[in-house]
Structures are given as structure tokens and as C-alpha cells.
């Protein structure tokens, strides 16, 4: 419940900022705004959310990814996971990640992570959603494991 409510709150405030100022927030600015809101709520009514914030900034032509936890710590990262899957997926991502990967290489890495999840989790999770964030926007791609 906290995740949905917090996401809605951040989305609407970023949209309002964009309408009032006529400027889209960069991924870095969005991550810092989100971190600030989490930090403000920490002592009033904390949200139990951990998140990855990713985006593509057209101005400098680069993508970025931020990890944020429920204590409002924020770190720019090159690869990430959270939840139970992170215990074994992060090691695999450390092994497979290389700077300047193509989309095809990235999808291969995701496919290996999905296979690892299917092997290690007792619960049968058969449907995965894979999305690409790039200069063309956000789009879903067929899960590489299908």
C-alpha cells in the first residue's frame, strides 16, 4: 500500500512541477526530490518503500539508475535489484554487467537473472515484465525467457 500511495504522490508532484515551471525534472533531480520527500516523512509517517528510479535524460543523452531505501538513502548505481531476488541476482549482475552493453546483451543478462529466480524461488513465478528505458521512451519488450 505504501508503495502505490508514495508512487502516486511523487508522480503527481513531479507532474505539477513540470506544469508550473515548464521544465521536466532530470532523473537526478527526480531522485533527489523523492529522497527529500522520504526523508521528510521519516519522522512523521514513514513509508515502507524501497525503489529503483531509472530514466533517460535527453539533455545529456544518458541513462541513470538510482537505488533508494525506506530510510531515504539514495545512491546512483549501474545495476540493481531489491527484495529477496537481490540476494542472488546482484552477484549475477556483477558478473554479467559491462559498461556500454547493447540492448541485446542487457536482455541476455536479464534472461539469466530470470532463470536464476526460477531455479531458486520455491514459488512458481512464470510471468515477468521487462521494460526498456531509452531515448525513445519507456516500452515493454517480450520477456527474453518466453
Foldseek 3Di string as FASTA:
>chain_A
DLVVVLVVVLVVVQVVCCVVVVDHDDQVRSLVVSLVVLCVCVVPPFRQDWDKGKAADPVVFDIWIWTAGSNSDIDTDDDDDDDPLRVPLVVLCVVQDDPPDDVVSVLVSVLVSVVVCCVPDPDHDDDDWDWDHGPVGIDTDPRPND
